[in-house]
Amino acid sequence: MDLNSLTKIIDNDTGAIVIQNPNFFGCLEDVYKIKKIILKFPDCKFIAVVNPITLALLKPPSDYGVDITVGDGQVLGSSLSLGGPYLGFLATKNEFLKHMPGRIVSKTVDLKNNMHTY
């Protein structure tokens, strides 16, 4: 990511900055500098798309202050289930849990009107 360009284009109307780490070219982004730029805009969220295998070697996204982390499990070698999609994952700070869809986290009600907390 070109940090000079990021500094020029980010403003108070920016909702989120999404990075892929490692990126498409296999390079690691300077996540600490990116976070420092984002901190100047308190309403801007920091989202990281990560490869789960790299998390064994790299610092976890929580160490560099991301708000939301997402990724997919294709690299883990899981096969497709009945032609369906690969597994995915989503993690967020506790302060954003209530904003996540109820079918993913928090509470949901089944057909028998039983409440389930996840």
Protein backbone atom coordinates (compact mmCIF):
# COMPACT_ATOMS: atom_id res chain seq x y z
CA MET A 1 0.00 0.00 0.00
CA ASP A 2 1.22 3.45 -0.87
CA LEU A 3 1.05 5.23 2.48
CA ASN A 4 1.46 8.67 0.88
CA SER A 5 -1.64 8.04 -1.24
CA LEU A 6 -3.54 6.73 1.78
CA THR A 7 -2.70 9.89 3.71
CA LYS A 8 -4.02 12.02 0.83
CA ILE A 9 -7.30 10.16 0.22
CA ILE A 10 -8.46 9.30 3.74
CA ASP A 11 -10.80 11.85 5.32
CA ASN A 12 -13.68 12.12 7.82
CA ASP A 13 -16.06 10.50 5.30
CA THR A 14 -13.94 7.32 5.03
CA GLY A 15 -15.82 4.43 6.62
CA ALA A 16 -13.08 1.81 6.58
CA ILE A 17 -9.64 0.95 5.32
CA VAL A 18 -9.37 -2.69 4.24
CA ILE A 19 -5.96 -4.29 3.83
CA GLN A 20 -4.94 -7.76 2.74
CA ASN A 21 -1.93 -9.02 4.66
CA PRO A 22 0.07 -10.55 3.05
CA ASN A 23 -1.19 -8.72 -0.02
CA PHE A 24 -1.83 -10.06 -3.53
CA PHE A 25 1.89 -9.96 -4.30
CA GLY A 26 2.87 -11.75 -1.08
CA CYS A 27 4.25 -8.59 0.51
CA LEU A 28 3.57 -7.60 4.09
CA GLU A 29 1.90 -4.26 4.66
CA ASP A 30 3.29 -1.81 7.22
CA VAL A 31 0.25 -2.29 9.45
CA TYR A 32 1.52 -0.13 12.30
CA LYS A 33 1.96 2.90 10.02
CA ILE A 34 -1.46 2.26 8.47
CA LYS A 35 -3.03 2.14 11.94
CA LYS A 36 -1.28 5.40 12.87
CA ILE A 37 -2.84 7.11 9.83
CA ILE A 38 -6.30 5.68 10.59
CA LEU A 39 -6.18 6.81 14.24
CA LYS A 40 -6.50 10.43 13.06
CA PHE A 41 -10.04 9.56 11.89
CA PRO A 42 -11.95 7.99 14.83
CA ASP A 43 -14.96 6.91 12.74
CA CYS A 44 -12.80 5.01 10.23
CA LYS A 45 -12.58 1.26 10.88
CA PHE A 46 -9.49 -0.84 10.19
CA ILE A 47 -10.26 -4.20 8.53
CA ALA A 48 -7.69 -6.91 7.77
CA VAL A 49 -8.16 -9.78 5.33
CA VAL A 50 -5.68 -12.44 6.41
CA ASN A 51 -4.43 -15.86 5.39
CA PRO A 52 -4.93 -18.17 8.41
CA ILE A 53 -1.68 -20.05 7.77
CA THR A 54 0.37 -16.84 8.00
CA LEU A 55 -1.06 -16.19 11.47
CA ALA A 56 1.27 -18.91 12.78
CA LEU A 57 4.25 -16.70 11.84
CA LEU A 58 2.96 -13.12 11.83
CA LYS A 59 1.62 -11.07 14.70
CA PRO A 60 -2.14 -11.43 15.07
CA PRO A 61 -4.28 -8.56 13.76
CA SER A 62 -5.28 -7.68 17.33
CA ASP A 63 -1.64 -6.66 17.99
CA TYR A 64 -1.85 -3.91 15.39
CA GLY A 65 -5.32 -2.76 16.36
CA VAL A 66 -7.65 -3.89 13.63
CA ASP A 67 -11.37 -3.55 14.29
CA ILE A 68 -12.44 -6.52 12.13
CA THR A 69 -10.49 -9.49 10.78
CA VAL A 70 -11.80 -11.75 8.01
CA GLY A 71 -10.44 -14.57 5.90
CA ASP A 72 -11.24 -17.87 4.24
CA GLY A 73 -10.14 -21.42 4.79
CA GLN A 74 -9.36 -22.42 1.21
CA VAL A 75 -5.65 -22.49 2.03
CA LEU A 76 -6.29 -25.03 4.80
CA GLY A 77 -7.05 -27.72 2.24
CA SER A 78 -10.67 -28.33 3.21
CA SER A 79 -12.78 -29.80 0.44
CA LEU A 80 -16.04 -28.29 -0.70
CA SER A 81 -19.09 -29.64 1.09
CA LEU A 82 -21.82 -30.64 -1.35
CA GLY A 83 -20.54 -28.03 -3.80
CA GLY A 84 -20.88 -25.26 -1.23
CA PRO A 85 -18.43 -22.53 -0.32
CA TYR A 86 -15.26 -22.86 1.71
CA LEU A 87 -15.31 -21.97 5.36
CA GLY A 88 -14.77 -18.37 6.29
CA PHE A 89 -13.99 -16.60 9.52
CA LEU A 90 -14.77 -13.23 11.01
CA ALA A 91 -13.43 -11.76 14.24
CA THR A 92 -14.05 -8.37 15.76
CA LYS A 93 -13.41 -6.33 18.88
CA ASN A 94 -15.93 -6.86 21.68
CA GLU A 95 -17.31 -3.37 21.16
CA PHE A 96 -18.57 -4.35 17.68
CA LEU A 97 -20.16 -7.72 18.56
CA LYS A 98 -23.64 -6.23 18.86
CA HIS A 99 -23.32 -4.88 15.31
CA MET A 100 -22.59 -8.30 13.77
CA PRO A 101 -25.44 -10.30 12.23
CA GLY A 102 -27.22 -12.41 14.90
CA ARG A 103 -26.84 -15.56 12.84
CA ILE A 104 -23.06 -15.24 13.16
CA VAL A 105 -22.60 -14.08 16.76
CA SER A 106 -24.63 -12.96 19.76
CA LYS A 107 -28.18 -14.27 20.13
CA THR A 108 -30.68 -15.94 17.86
CA VAL A 109 -34.09 -17.61 18.29
CA ASP A 110 -34.89 -21.00 16.73
CA LEU A 111 -38.24 -22.19 15.33
CA LYS A 112 -39.34 -23.40 18.79
CA ASN A 113 -38.75 -19.90 20.18
CA ASN A 114 -35.67 -21.03 22.16
CA MET A 115 -32.97 -18.37 22.64
CA HIS A 116 -29.38 -19.36 21.83
CA THR A 117 -26.32 -17.33 22.82
CA TYR A 118 -23.04 -17.80 20.98
